[in-house]
Amino acid sequence: MNVMLVDDHPLFMEGLHNLLTARGINVVGTARNGREAVQQALQLHPDVVLMDIQMPDCDGLYALHCIKEQAPAINVVMLTMSTEDEHLFEAIKGGAAGYILKDLNTDTFFELLTNAANGGAALTPAMAARVMAEFANPRHQTPAAETTDPDELTERQVEVLQLMARGYPNKEIAEELFITERTVKYHTREILQKLHLRNRAQAVAYAMSEGLIVVS
């Protein structure tokens, strides 16, 4: 797994760098602000960008927008101390693959990081529940989203969505359903298109809001 780190606190970034490399994860680059993050991400194309939100010069949310606009395949996960709903919702709506708080325990952190690298959602149940509440709020839905109906999905697509929302990467979804990874990717594209969603993190919220998966 190739990871890029973006944070304006050198001591934290050094500690995270050491933690990742001790687990055999390759840190391909680091940046101190959003502007540097965009430049390096477009050059390095890491599997995951772990990026803080509140940084000088250019914040993480603007950098997220720039990266996803120019290289949508790069998985960007916000790694922050901010618990503000505004930051969380803007990140997910902007295409972030996840939102992780810096005080998370190590095992859960690596589990979520692996999910993101495999194309899954890096959200704890608590964060996913908050996204769900926002997603279900009619005041924040587009007209297209208001008409979204889970009945538009095929039975197979519902199965894929349920596993996706549980954090299964494409390979494990394929194994669980006895289909190919290529078929999983096809169903994923169809799901996101039919439901007017941008990424798997939003799919997690949708699946919960429709009762397709229960987060304990």
N, C-alpha and C. Protein backbone atom coordinates (compact mmCIF):
# COMPACT_ATOMS: atom_id res chain seq x y z
N MET A 1 0.84 -1.19 0.00
CA MET A 1 0.00 0.00 0.00
C MET A 1 0.88 1.25 0.00
N ASN A 2 0.62 2.17 -0.91
CA ASN A 2 1.35 3.44 -0.97
C ASN A 2 0.48 4.56 -0.41
N VAL A 3 1.02 5.25 0.59
CA VAL A 3 0.26 6.29 1.29
C VAL A 3 1.01 7.61 1.27
N MET A 4 0.28 8.69 1.13
CA MET A 4 0.87 10.03 1.24
C MET A 4 0.28 10.72 2.45
N LEU A 5 1.11 11.43 3.21
CA LEU A 5 0.68 12.10 4.44
C LEU A 5 0.66 13.61 4.24
N VAL A 6 -0.38 14.24 4.76
CA VAL A 6 -0.50 15.69 4.67
C VAL A 6 -0.91 16.24 6.03
N ASP A 7 0.00 16.98 6.66
CA ASP A 7 -0.28 17.54 7.98
C ASP A 7 0.73 18.66 8.25
N ASP A 8 0.29 19.70 8.94
CA ASP A 8 1.19 20.82 9.20
C ASP A 8 1.90 20.71 10.54
N HIS A 9 1.74 19.58 11.23
CA HIS A 9 2.44 19.36 12.49
C HIS A 9 3.53 18.30 12.29
N PRO A 10 4.79 18.72 12.22
CA PRO A 10 5.89 17.79 11.91
C PRO A 10 5.99 16.62 12.89
N LEU A 11 5.78 16.87 14.18
CA LEU A 11 5.92 15.81 15.17
C LEU A 11 4.87 14.73 14.95
N PHE A 12 3.62 15.14 14.70
CA PHE A 12 2.56 14.17 14.44
C PHE A 12 2.85 13.39 13.17
N MET A 13 3.27 14.09 12.12
CA MET A 13 3.49 13.42 10.85
C MET A 13 4.66 12.43 10.95
N GLU A 14 5.68 12.79 11.71
CA GLU A 14 6.81 11.86 11.89
C GLU A 14 6.36 10.60 12.63
N GLY A 15 5.55 10.79 13.67
CA GLY A 15 5.05 9.63 14.41
C GLY A 15 4.17 8.74 13.56
N LEU A 16 3.31 9.35 12.75
CA LEU A 16 2.44 8.57 11.86
C LEU A 16 3.26 7.85 10.80
N HIS A 17 4.27 8.53 10.29
CA HIS A 17 5.17 7.92 9.29
C HIS A 17 5.79 6.66 9.87
N ASN A 18 6.30 6.76 11.10
CA ASN A 18 6.94 5.60 11.74
C ASN A 18 5.94 4.48 12.00
N LEU A 19 4.73 4.85 12.40
CA LEU A 19 3.69 3.85 12.67
C LEU A 19 3.34 3.08 11.40
N LEU A 20 3.21 3.79 10.30
CA LEU A 20 2.86 3.15 9.03
C LEU A 20 3.97 2.25 8.52
N THR A 21 5.19 2.75 8.54
CA THR A 21 6.30 1.95 8.01
C THR A 21 6.55 0.71 8.86
N ALA A 22 6.25 0.80 10.16
CA ALA A 22 6.41 -0.37 11.03
C ALA A 22 5.43 -1.47 10.65
N ARG A 23 4.33 -1.11 10.00
CA ARG A 23 3.34 -2.08 9.54
C ARG A 23 3.56 -2.48 8.09
N GLY A 24 4.68 -2.06 7.52
CA GLY A 24 4.99 -2.44 6.14
C GLY A 24 4.31 -1.59 5.09
N ILE A 25 3.79 -0.45 5.49
CA ILE A 25 3.11 0.45 4.55
C ILE A 25 4.12 1.46 4.01
N ASN A 26 4.10 1.67 2.72
CA ASN A 26 5.06 2.54 2.05
C ASN A 26 4.55 3.98 2.03
N VAL A 27 5.26 4.87 2.72
CA VAL A 27 4.92 6.30 2.70
C VAL A 27 5.67 6.94 1.54
N VAL A 28 4.95 7.27 0.48
CA VAL A 28 5.60 7.72 -0.75
C VAL A 28 5.84 9.23 -0.78
N GLY A 29 5.20 9.96 0.12
CA GLY A 29 5.41 11.40 0.13
C GLY A 29 4.72 12.06 1.30
N THR A 30 5.16 13.28 1.61
CA THR A 30 4.55 14.06 2.67
C THR A 30 4.37 15.50 2.19
N ALA A 31 3.40 16.19 2.79
CA ALA A 31 3.16 17.59 2.45
C ALA A 31 2.71 18.32 3.71
N ARG A 32 2.98 19.62 3.76
CA ARG A 32 2.67 20.42 4.95
C ARG A 32 1.40 21.26 4.80
N ASN A 33 0.87 21.34 3.59
CA ASN A 33 -0.37 22.10 3.38
C ASN A 33 -1.10 21.56 2.16
N GLY A 34 -2.30 22.07 1.94
CA GLY A 34 -3.12 21.56 0.86
C GLY A 34 -2.54 21.80 -0.52
N ARG A 35 -1.86 22.92 -0.70
CA ARG A 35 -1.28 23.23 -2.00
C ARG A 35 -0.22 22.19 -2.38
N GLU A 36 0.67 21.90 -1.41
CA GLU A 36 1.69 20.87 -1.65
C GLU A 36 1.03 19.51 -1.86
N ALA A 37 -0.04 19.26 -1.14
CA ALA A 37 -0.73 17.97 -1.23
C ALA A 37 -1.25 17.72 -2.65
N VAL A 38 -1.85 18.72 -3.24
CA VAL A 38 -2.39 18.57 -4.59
C VAL A 38 -1.26 18.28 -5.57
N GLN A 39 -0.19 19.04 -5.49
CA GLN A 39 0.94 18.86 -6.41
C GLN A 39 1.52 17.45 -6.30
N GLN A 40 1.76 17.01 -5.06
CA GLN A 40 2.38 15.70 -4.87
C GLN A 40 1.44 14.55 -5.20
N ALA A 41 0.17 14.70 -4.85
CA ALA A 41 -0.79 13.63 -5.13
C ALA A 41 -0.90 13.38 -6.63
N LEU A 42 -0.90 14.45 -7.41
CA LEU A 42 -1.01 14.31 -8.86
C LEU A 42 0.26 13.73 -9.47
N GLN A 43 1.38 13.92 -8.80
CA GLN A 43 2.65 13.35 -9.26
C GLN A 43 2.79 11.89 -8.86
N LEU A 44 2.45 11.60 -7.61
CA LEU A 44 2.74 10.28 -7.03
C LEU A 44 1.61 9.27 -7.21
N HIS A 45 0.38 9.73 -7.30
CA HIS A 45 -0.80 8.85 -7.41
C HIS A 45 -0.77 7.73 -6.36
N PRO A 46 -0.74 8.10 -5.07
CA PRO A 46 -0.74 7.08 -4.01
C PRO A 46 -2.07 6.35 -3.94
N ASP A 47 -2.08 5.21 -3.26
CA ASP A 47 -3.34 4.49 -3.05
C ASP A 47 -4.27 5.29 -2.14
N VAL A 48 -3.67 5.91 -1.12
CA VAL A 48 -4.45 6.71 -0.16
C VAL A 48 -3.69 7.97 0.21
N VAL A 49 -4.41 9.08 0.27
CA VAL A 49 -3.87 10.32 0.84
C VAL A 49 -4.53 10.50 2.21
N LEU A 50 -3.72 10.53 3.26
CA LEU A 50 -4.22 10.82 4.61
C LEU A 50 -3.97 12.30 4.87
N MET A 51 -5.03 13.08 5.00
CA MET A 51 -4.87 14.53 5.00
C MET A 51 -5.63 15.21 6.13
N ASP A 52 -4.95 16.11 6.81
CA ASP A 52 -5.58 16.94 7.84
C ASP A 52 -6.49 17.96 7.16
N ILE A 53 -7.36 18.57 7.92
CA ILE A 53 -8.27 19.58 7.36
C ILE A 53 -7.75 20.99 7.59
N GLN A 54 -7.49 21.33 8.84
CA GLN A 54 -7.12 22.70 9.17
C GLN A 54 -5.61 22.88 9.04
N MET A 55 -5.22 23.52 7.93
CA MET A 55 -3.81 23.77 7.63
C MET A 55 -3.67 25.16 7.03
N PRO A 56 -2.49 25.78 7.17
CA PRO A 56 -2.29 27.12 6.61
C PRO A 56 -2.18 27.07 5.08
N ASP A 57 -2.33 28.22 4.48
CA ASP A 57 -2.15 28.42 3.03
C ASP A 57 -3.31 27.84 2.23
N CYS A 58 -3.55 26.53 2.39
CA CYS A 58 -4.64 25.88 1.65
C CYS A 58 -5.12 24.72 2.50
N ASP A 59 -6.40 24.73 2.90
CA ASP A 59 -6.86 23.69 3.82
C ASP A 59 -7.14 22.37 3.11
N GLY A 60 -7.37 21.34 3.92
CA GLY A 60 -7.53 20.00 3.38
C GLY A 60 -8.78 19.81 2.55
N LEU A 61 -9.85 20.52 2.87
CA LEU A 61 -11.09 20.35 2.12
C LEU A 61 -10.97 20.91 0.70
N TYR A 62 -10.28 22.04 0.57
CA TYR A 62 -10.07 22.59 -0.77
C TYR A 62 -9.13 21.68 -1.56
N ALA A 63 -8.10 21.18 -0.89
CA ALA A 63 -7.17 20.26 -1.55
C ALA A 63 -7.89 18.99 -1.99
N LEU A 64 -8.81 18.49 -1.16
CA LEU A 64 -9.62 17.33 -1.52
C LEU A 64 -10.36 17.59 -2.83
N HIS A 65 -11.00 18.74 -2.91
CA HIS A 65 -11.76 19.10 -4.12
C HIS A 65 -10.85 19.10 -5.35
N CYS A 66 -9.67 19.69 -5.22
CA CYS A 66 -8.74 19.78 -6.35
C CYS A 66 -8.25 18.39 -6.77
N ILE A 67 -7.92 17.56 -5.80
CA ILE A 67 -7.42 16.21 -6.11
C ILE A 67 -8.50 15.38 -6.79
N LYS A 68 -9.71 15.38 -6.24
CA LYS A 68 -10.78 14.57 -6.82
C LYS A 68 -11.21 15.07 -8.19
N GLU A 69 -11.07 16.36 -8.42
CA GLU A 69 -11.43 16.92 -9.72
C GLU A 69 -10.45 16.48 -10.80
N GLN A 70 -9.16 16.41 -10.43
CA GLN A 70 -8.13 16.09 -11.42
C GLN A 70 -7.72 14.62 -11.43
N ALA A 71 -7.89 13.94 -10.31
CA ALA A 71 -7.52 12.52 -10.23
C ALA A 71 -8.53 11.79 -9.36
N PRO A 72 -9.74 11.57 -9.86
CA PRO A 72 -10.82 11.00 -9.04
C PRO A 72 -10.53 9.60 -8.50
N ALA A 73 -9.57 8.89 -9.09
CA ALA A 73 -9.29 7.53 -8.63
C ALA A 73 -8.49 7.51 -7.33
N ILE A 74 -7.88 8.63 -6.95
CA ILE A 74 -7.09 8.67 -5.71
C ILE A 74 -8.03 8.69 -4.51
N ASN A 75 -7.81 7.81 -3.56
CA ASN A 75 -8.62 7.75 -2.34
C ASN A 75 -8.08 8.74 -1.31
N VAL A 76 -8.88 9.70 -0.96
CA VAL A 76 -8.48 10.71 0.03
C VAL A 76 -9.26 10.49 1.31
N VAL A 77 -8.54 10.35 2.41
CA VAL A 77 -9.16 10.17 3.73
C VAL A 77 -8.75 11.33 4.61
N MET A 78 -9.71 12.00 5.21
CA MET A 78 -9.40 13.09 6.12
C MET A 78 -9.01 12.50 7.47
N LEU A 79 -7.85 12.90 7.97
CA LEU A 79 -7.34 12.46 9.28
C LEU A 79 -7.19 13.71 10.13
N THR A 80 -8.08 13.91 11.08
CA THR A 80 -8.20 15.21 11.71
C THR A 80 -8.63 15.11 13.17
N MET A 81 -8.51 16.21 13.88
CA MET A 81 -9.05 16.31 15.24
C MET A 81 -10.43 16.95 15.23
N SER A 82 -10.86 17.45 14.07
CA SER A 82 -12.14 18.17 13.99
C SER A 82 -13.32 17.21 14.05
N THR A 83 -14.20 17.47 15.00
CA THR A 83 -15.44 16.69 15.12
C THR A 83 -16.64 17.48 14.60
N GLU A 84 -16.39 18.60 13.95
CA GLU A 84 -17.47 19.46 13.48
C GLU A 84 -18.23 18.81 12.33
N ASP A 85 -19.55 18.84 12.43
CA ASP A 85 -20.39 18.28 11.37
C ASP A 85 -20.10 18.92 10.02
N GLU A 86 -19.88 20.22 10.02
CA GLU A 86 -19.63 20.94 8.76
C GLU A 86 -18.44 20.34 8.02
N HIS A 87 -17.37 20.06 8.75
CA HIS A 87 -16.18 19.48 8.12
C HIS A 87 -16.45 18.06 7.62
N LEU A 88 -17.12 17.27 8.45
CA LEU A 88 -17.42 15.89 8.08
C LEU A 88 -18.28 15.83 6.82
N PHE A 89 -19.36 16.59 6.81
CA PHE A 89 -20.29 16.53 5.68
C PHE A 89 -19.67 17.08 4.41
N GLU A 90 -18.90 18.17 4.54
CA GLU A 90 -18.26 18.74 3.36
C GLU A 90 -17.24 17.77 2.77
N ALA A 91 -16.54 17.05 3.65
CA ALA A 91 -15.55 16.08 3.18
C ALA A 91 -16.22 14.95 2.40
N ILE A 92 -17.28 14.39 2.94
CA ILE A 92 -17.96 13.27 2.27
C ILE A 92 -18.61 13.73 0.98
N LYS A 93 -19.26 14.89 1.02
CA LYS A 93 -19.87 15.42 -0.20
C LYS A 93 -18.82 15.76 -1.25
N GLY A 94 -17.61 16.09 -0.79
CA GLY A 94 -16.53 16.43 -1.70
C GLY A 94 -15.82 15.23 -2.29
N GLY A 95 -16.22 14.03 -1.87
CA GLY A 95 -15.64 12.83 -2.46
C GLY A 95 -14.62 12.11 -1.61
N ALA A 96 -14.48 12.50 -0.33
CA ALA A 96 -13.54 11.80 0.55
C ALA A 96 -13.96 10.35 0.74
N ALA A 97 -12.97 9.46 0.78
CA ALA A 97 -13.25 8.04 0.99
C ALA A 97 -13.49 7.74 2.46
N GLY A 98 -13.21 8.71 3.33
CA GLY A 98 -13.44 8.48 4.74
C GLY A 98 -13.07 9.68 5.58
N TYR A 99 -13.34 9.56 6.87
CA TYR A 99 -13.11 10.64 7.83
C TYR A 99 -12.70 9.98 9.14
N ILE A 100 -11.44 10.14 9.52
CA ILE A 100 -10.89 9.46 10.70
C ILE A 100 -10.39 10.50 11.70
N LEU A 101 -10.77 10.33 12.96
CA LEU A 101 -10.27 11.21 14.01
C LEU A 101 -8.91 10.73 14.49
N LYS A 102 -8.05 11.67 14.85
CA LYS A 102 -6.68 11.34 15.23
C LYS A 102 -6.58 10.58 16.54
N ASP A 103 -7.63 10.59 17.34
CA ASP A 103 -7.57 9.88 18.62
C ASP A 103 -8.11 8.45 18.52
N LEU A 104 -8.31 7.97 17.30
CA LEU A 104 -8.81 6.61 17.09
C LEU A 104 -7.75 5.59 17.51
N ASN A 105 -8.20 4.42 18.00
CA ASN A 105 -7.22 3.40 18.38
C ASN A 105 -6.54 2.82 17.15
N THR A 106 -5.34 2.30 17.34
CA THR A 106 -4.48 1.89 16.23
C THR A 106 -5.10 0.80 15.37
N ASP A 107 -5.66 -0.22 15.99
CA ASP A 107 -6.21 -1.34 15.22
C ASP A 107 -7.34 -0.88 14.30
N THR A 108 -8.23 -0.05 14.82
CA THR A 108 -9.34 0.45 14.01
C THR A 108 -8.83 1.35 12.90
N PHE A 109 -7.82 2.15 13.22
CA PHE A 109 -7.22 3.02 12.20
C PHE A 109 -6.71 2.22 11.02
N PHE A 110 -5.96 1.16 11.28
CA PHE A 110 -5.41 0.36 10.19
C PHE A 110 -6.50 -0.40 9.44
N GLU A 111 -7.54 -0.79 10.13
CA GLU A 111 -8.65 -1.46 9.46
C GLU A 111 -9.32 -0.51 8.47
N LEU A 112 -9.55 0.74 8.91
CA LEU A 112 -10.19 1.72 8.03
C LEU A 112 -9.27 2.13 6.89
N LEU A 113 -7.98 2.24 7.17
CA LEU A 113 -7.02 2.58 6.12
C LEU A 113 -7.01 1.51 5.04
N THR A 114 -7.04 0.26 5.45
CA THR A 114 -7.08 -0.85 4.49
C THR A 114 -8.36 -0.80 3.67
N ASN A 115 -9.48 -0.50 4.32
CA ASN A 115 -10.75 -0.35 3.59
C ASN A 115 -10.62 0.69 2.49
N ALA A 116 -10.04 1.83 2.84
CA ALA A 116 -9.90 2.92 1.86
C ALA A 116 -9.00 2.52 0.71
N ALA A 117 -7.90 1.86 1.02
CA ALA A 117 -6.96 1.43 -0.03
C ALA A 117 -7.60 0.44 -0.99
N ASN A 118 -8.56 -0.33 -0.47
CA ASN A 118 -9.25 -1.33 -1.29
C ASN A 118 -10.51 -0.78 -1.96
N GLY A 119 -10.70 0.53 -1.85
CA GLY A 119 -11.86 1.13 -2.49
C GLY A 119 -13.08 1.21 -1.61
N GLY A 120 -12.92 0.89 -0.32
CA GLY A 120 -14.04 0.93 0.60
C GLY A 120 -14.16 2.26 1.31
N ALA A 121 -15.03 2.31 2.31
CA ALA A 121 -15.27 3.53 3.06
C ALA A 121 -14.52 3.47 4.39
N ALA A 122 -13.82 4.54 4.73
CA ALA A 122 -13.09 4.62 5.99
C ALA A 122 -13.89 5.47 6.98
N LEU A 123 -14.93 4.86 7.52
CA LEU A 123 -15.80 5.53 8.49
C LEU A 123 -16.06 4.62 9.67
N THR A 124 -15.93 5.14 10.88
CA THR A 124 -16.35 4.38 12.05
C THR A 124 -17.87 4.38 12.09
N PRO A 125 -18.48 3.46 12.84
CA PRO A 125 -19.95 3.47 12.97
C PRO A 125 -20.50 4.81 13.44
N ALA A 126 -19.78 5.48 14.36
CA ALA A 126 -20.26 6.77 14.86
C ALA A 126 -20.27 7.82 13.76
N MET A 127 -19.20 7.87 12.97
CA MET A 127 -19.14 8.83 11.87
C MET A 127 -20.17 8.49 10.80
N ALA A 128 -20.31 7.22 10.50
CA ALA A 128 -21.28 6.80 9.49
C ALA A 128 -22.70 7.18 9.90
N ALA A 129 -23.00 7.06 11.19
CA ALA A 129 -24.33 7.42 11.67
C ALA A 129 -24.60 8.91 11.50
N ARG A 130 -23.58 9.73 11.72
CA ARG A 130 -23.74 11.17 11.54
C ARG A 130 -23.95 11.52 10.06
N VAL A 131 -23.20 10.84 9.20
CA VAL A 131 -23.38 11.05 7.77
C VAL A 131 -24.79 10.61 7.36
N MET A 132 -25.24 9.49 7.93
CA MET A 132 -26.57 8.98 7.63
C MET A 132 -27.64 10.02 7.98
N ALA A 133 -27.51 10.62 9.16
CA ALA A 133 -28.49 11.60 9.60
C ALA A 133 -28.53 12.80 8.65
N GLU A 134 -27.36 13.22 8.21
CA GLU A 134 -27.30 14.34 7.26
C GLU A 134 -27.88 13.94 5.92
N PHE A 135 -27.54 12.74 5.48
CA PHE A 135 -28.00 12.26 4.18
C PHE A 135 -29.52 12.17 4.15
N ALA A 136 -30.11 11.76 5.28
CA ALA A 136 -31.55 11.56 5.34
C ALA A 136 -32.33 12.86 5.54
N ASN A 137 -31.63 13.95 5.80
CA ASN A 137 -32.28 15.23 6.05
C ASN A 137 -32.72 15.86 4.73
N PRO A 138 -34.03 16.00 4.48
CA PRO A 138 -34.52 16.54 3.21
C PRO A 138 -33.96 17.92 2.88
N ARG A 139 -33.60 18.70 3.89
CA ARG A 139 -33.10 20.05 3.63
C ARG A 139 -31.78 20.03 2.87
N HIS A 140 -31.06 18.91 2.94
CA HIS A 140 -29.75 18.83 2.33
C HIS A 140 -29.72 17.92 1.12
N GLN A 141 -30.89 17.52 0.63
CA GLN A 141 -30.93 16.64 -0.53
C GLN A 141 -31.26 17.43 -1.79
N THR A 142 -30.72 16.99 -2.91
CA THR A 142 -31.05 17.56 -4.20
C THR A 142 -32.38 16.97 -4.64
N PRO A 143 -33.07 17.60 -5.59
CA PRO A 143 -34.31 17.00 -6.10
C PRO A 143 -34.11 15.59 -6.60
N ALA A 144 -32.95 15.33 -7.24
CA ALA A 144 -32.68 13.97 -7.73
C ALA A 144 -32.59 12.99 -6.58
N ALA A 145 -31.94 13.44 -5.48
CA ALA A 145 -31.77 12.54 -4.35
C ALA A 145 -33.10 12.25 -3.67
N GLU A 146 -34.04 13.26 -3.69
CA GLU A 146 -35.32 13.06 -3.05
C GLU A 146 -36.14 11.98 -3.74
N THR A 147 -35.91 11.78 -5.03
CA THR A 147 -36.68 10.79 -5.76
C THR A 147 -36.00 9.42 -5.77
N THR A 148 -34.82 9.35 -5.14
CA THR A 148 -34.09 8.09 -5.12
C THR A 148 -34.88 7.02 -4.37
N ASP A 149 -34.93 5.84 -4.94
CA ASP A 149 -35.69 4.74 -4.36
C ASP A 149 -34.84 3.48 -4.43
N PRO A 150 -34.65 2.80 -3.29
CA PRO A 150 -33.85 1.57 -3.31
C PRO A 150 -34.44 0.50 -4.22
N ASP A 151 -35.74 0.62 -4.54
CA ASP A 151 -36.36 -0.36 -5.44
C ASP A 151 -35.80 -0.27 -6.86
N GLU A 152 -35.10 0.84 -7.15
CA GLU A 152 -34.47 0.98 -8.47
C GLU A 152 -33.31 0.01 -8.63
N LEU A 153 -32.78 -0.47 -7.52
CA LEU A 153 -31.64 -1.38 -7.55
C LEU A 153 -32.11 -2.82 -7.77
N THR A 154 -31.28 -3.58 -8.46
CA THR A 154 -31.56 -5.01 -8.59
C THR A 154 -31.22 -5.71 -7.29
N GLU A 155 -31.68 -6.94 -7.14
CA GLU A 155 -31.39 -7.71 -5.93
C GLU A 155 -29.89 -7.85 -5.73
N ARG A 156 -29.16 -8.10 -6.81
CA ARG A 156 -27.71 -8.24 -6.72
C ARG A 156 -27.05 -6.93 -6.31
N GLN A 157 -27.55 -5.82 -6.82
CA GLN A 157 -26.97 -4.53 -6.47
C GLN A 157 -27.21 -4.20 -5.00
N VAL A 158 -28.35 -4.60 -4.47
CA VAL A 158 -28.61 -4.41 -3.04
C VAL A 158 -27.61 -5.21 -2.22
N GLU A 159 -27.33 -6.45 -2.65
CA GLU A 159 -26.35 -7.28 -1.94
C GLU A 159 -24.97 -6.64 -1.96
N VAL A 160 -24.59 -6.11 -3.12
CA VAL A 160 -23.29 -5.44 -3.24
C VAL A 160 -23.26 -4.21 -2.33
N LEU A 161 -24.33 -3.43 -2.32
CA LEU A 161 -24.40 -2.23 -1.50
C LEU A 161 -24.29 -2.57 -0.02
N GLN A 162 -24.95 -3.63 0.42
CA GLN A 162 -24.89 -4.03 1.82
C GLN A 162 -23.46 -4.37 2.23
N LEU A 163 -22.76 -5.12 1.39
CA LEU A 163 -21.38 -5.50 1.70
C LEU A 163 -20.46 -4.29 1.60
N MET A 164 -20.71 -3.44 0.63
CA MET A 164 -19.93 -2.21 0.49
C MET A 164 -20.04 -1.36 1.75
N ALA A 165 -21.27 -1.25 2.26
CA ALA A 165 -21.51 -0.43 3.44
C ALA A 165 -20.87 -1.03 4.69
N ARG A 166 -20.62 -2.34 4.67
CA ARG A 166 -19.95 -2.99 5.80
C ARG A 166 -18.43 -2.90 5.69
N GLY A 167 -17.96 -2.22 4.65
CA GLY A 167 -16.52 -2.01 4.51
C GLY A 167 -15.79 -3.07 3.72
N TYR A 168 -16.53 -3.97 3.07
CA TYR A 168 -15.88 -5.01 2.28
C TYR A 168 -15.21 -4.39 1.05
N PRO A 169 -13.95 -4.70 0.78
CA PRO A 169 -13.33 -4.29 -0.48
C PRO A 169 -13.88 -5.12 -1.64
N ASN A 170 -13.57 -4.71 -2.86
CA ASN A 170 -14.12 -5.40 -4.03
C ASN A 170 -13.81 -6.89 -4.04
N LYS A 171 -12.59 -7.24 -3.67
CA LYS A 171 -12.18 -8.65 -3.71
C LYS A 171 -13.06 -9.49 -2.79
N GLU A 172 -13.31 -9.00 -1.57
CA GLU A 172 -14.11 -9.76 -0.61
C GLU A 172 -15.58 -9.80 -1.01
N ILE A 173 -16.07 -8.72 -1.62
CA ILE A 173 -17.45 -8.73 -2.12
C ILE A 173 -17.58 -9.80 -3.19
N ALA A 174 -16.60 -9.86 -4.09
CA ALA A 174 -16.61 -10.85 -5.17
C ALA A 174 -16.61 -12.27 -4.60
N GLU A 175 -15.78 -12.51 -3.59
CA GLU A 175 -15.70 -13.84 -2.99
C GLU A 175 -17.00 -14.20 -2.29
N GLU A 176 -17.58 -13.24 -1.60
CA GLU A 176 -18.82 -13.48 -0.85
C GLU A 176 -19.98 -13.81 -1.78
N LEU A 177 -20.03 -13.15 -2.93
CA LEU A 177 -21.16 -13.31 -3.85
C LEU A 177 -20.85 -14.24 -5.02
N PHE A 178 -19.63 -14.78 -5.04
CA PHE A 178 -19.21 -15.70 -6.10
C PHE A 178 -19.32 -15.06 -7.49
N ILE A 179 -18.82 -13.83 -7.57
CA ILE A 179 -18.75 -13.12 -8.85
C ILE A 179 -17.34 -12.57 -9.01
N THR A 180 -17.04 -11.98 -10.15
CA THR A 180 -15.70 -11.44 -10.39
C THR A 180 -15.59 -10.02 -9.84
N GLU A 181 -14.36 -9.57 -9.61
CA GLU A 181 -14.14 -8.20 -9.16
C GLU A 181 -14.63 -7.21 -10.22
N ARG A 182 -14.47 -7.58 -11.48
CA ARG A 182 -14.94 -6.71 -12.56
C ARG A 182 -16.45 -6.51 -12.47
N THR A 183 -17.16 -7.57 -12.14
CA THR A 183 -18.62 -7.47 -11.99
C THR A 183 -18.98 -6.60 -10.79
N VAL A 184 -18.20 -6.72 -9.71
CA VAL A 184 -18.43 -5.88 -8.53
C VAL A 184 -18.27 -4.41 -8.91
N LYS A 185 -17.22 -4.09 -9.66
CA LYS A 185 -16.99 -2.71 -10.07
C LYS A 185 -18.13 -2.20 -10.95
N TYR A 186 -18.63 -3.07 -11.81
CA TYR A 186 -19.76 -2.69 -12.67
C TYR A 186 -20.99 -2.36 -11.81
N HIS A 187 -21.30 -3.25 -10.86
CA HIS A 187 -22.46 -3.01 -9.99
C HIS A 187 -22.27 -1.73 -9.17
N THR A 188 -21.04 -1.50 -8.71
CA THR A 188 -20.77 -0.30 -7.92
C THR A 188 -21.05 0.96 -8.73
N ARG A 189 -20.58 0.98 -9.96
CA ARG A 189 -20.85 2.14 -10.82
C ARG A 189 -22.35 2.34 -11.03
N GLU A 190 -23.06 1.24 -11.24
CA GLU A 190 -24.51 1.32 -11.44
C GLU A 190 -25.22 1.82 -10.19
N ILE A 191 -24.78 1.34 -9.03
CA ILE A 191 -25.39 1.77 -7.77
C ILE A 191 -25.22 3.27 -7.57
N LEU A 192 -23.99 3.74 -7.71
CA LEU A 192 -23.71 5.16 -7.49
C LEU A 192 -24.47 6.03 -8.49
N GLN A 193 -24.55 5.56 -9.73
CA GLN A 193 -25.26 6.33 -10.75
C GLN A 193 -26.77 6.37 -10.47
N LYS A 194 -27.34 5.23 -10.15
CA LYS A 194 -28.79 5.18 -9.90
C LYS A 194 -29.19 5.99 -8.67
N LEU A 195 -28.33 5.98 -7.66
CA LEU A 195 -28.67 6.64 -6.40
C LEU A 195 -28.12 8.05 -6.29
N HIS A 196 -27.48 8.52 -7.36
CA HIS A 196 -26.94 9.89 -7.40
C HIS A 196 -25.90 10.10 -6.29
N LEU A 197 -25.05 9.12 -6.09
CA LEU A 197 -24.01 9.18 -5.08
C LEU A 197 -22.65 9.31 -5.75
N ARG A 198 -21.67 9.81 -4.99
CA ARG A 198 -20.34 10.04 -5.57
C ARG A 198 -19.33 8.98 -5.18
N ASN A 199 -19.50 8.36 -4.03
CA ASN A 199 -18.49 7.41 -3.57
C ASN A 199 -19.07 6.45 -2.54
N ARG A 200 -18.22 5.55 -2.07
CA ARG A 200 -18.67 4.52 -1.14
C ARG A 200 -19.03 5.08 0.23
N ALA A 201 -18.37 6.15 0.62
CA ALA A 201 -18.70 6.74 1.92
C ALA A 201 -20.15 7.22 1.93
N GLN A 202 -20.59 7.80 0.82
CA GLN A 202 -21.99 8.21 0.73
C GLN A 202 -22.90 6.99 0.65
N ALA A 203 -22.41 5.92 0.05
CA ALA A 203 -23.20 4.69 -0.04
C ALA A 203 -23.45 4.10 1.34
N VAL A 204 -22.47 4.23 2.24
CA VAL A 204 -22.64 3.75 3.62
C VAL A 204 -23.84 4.46 4.25
N ALA A 205 -23.87 5.78 4.11
CA ALA A 205 -24.96 6.55 4.70
C ALA A 205 -26.29 6.18 4.08
N TYR A 206 -26.31 6.02 2.77
CA TYR A 206 -27.56 5.67 2.09
C TYR A 206 -28.07 4.31 2.56
N ALA A 207 -27.18 3.34 2.62
CA ALA A 207 -27.58 1.99 3.01
C ALA A 207 -28.20 1.98 4.40
N MET A 208 -27.63 2.78 5.30
CA MET A 208 -28.17 2.84 6.66
C MET A 208 -29.49 3.61 6.70
N SER A 209 -29.57 4.69 5.93
CA SER A 209 -30.80 5.49 5.95
C SER A 209 -31.99 4.72 5.41
N GLU A 210 -31.72 3.74 4.54
CA GLU A 210 -32.80 2.92 3.97
C GLU A 210 -33.00 1.61 4.74
N GLY A 211 -32.25 1.44 5.84
CA GLY A 211 -32.40 0.23 6.64
C GLY A 211 -31.80 -1.01 6.01
N LEU A 212 -30.89 -0.82 5.04
CA LEU A 212 -30.26 -1.96 4.39
C LEU A 212 -29.15 -2.56 5.24
N ILE A 213 -28.64 -1.74 6.18
CA ILE A 213 -27.61 -2.22 7.09
C ILE A 213 -27.77 -1.46 8.39
N VAL A 214 -27.59 -2.13 9.50
CA VAL A 214 -27.71 -1.50 10.82
C VAL A 214 -26.33 -1.36 11.42
N VAL A 215 -25.99 -0.14 11.81
CA VAL A 215 -24.70 0.11 12.46
C VAL A 215 -24.91 0.13 13.95
N SER A 216 -24.22 -0.77 14.63
CA SER A 216 -24.39 -0.86 16.09
C SER A 216 -23.50 0.12 16.82
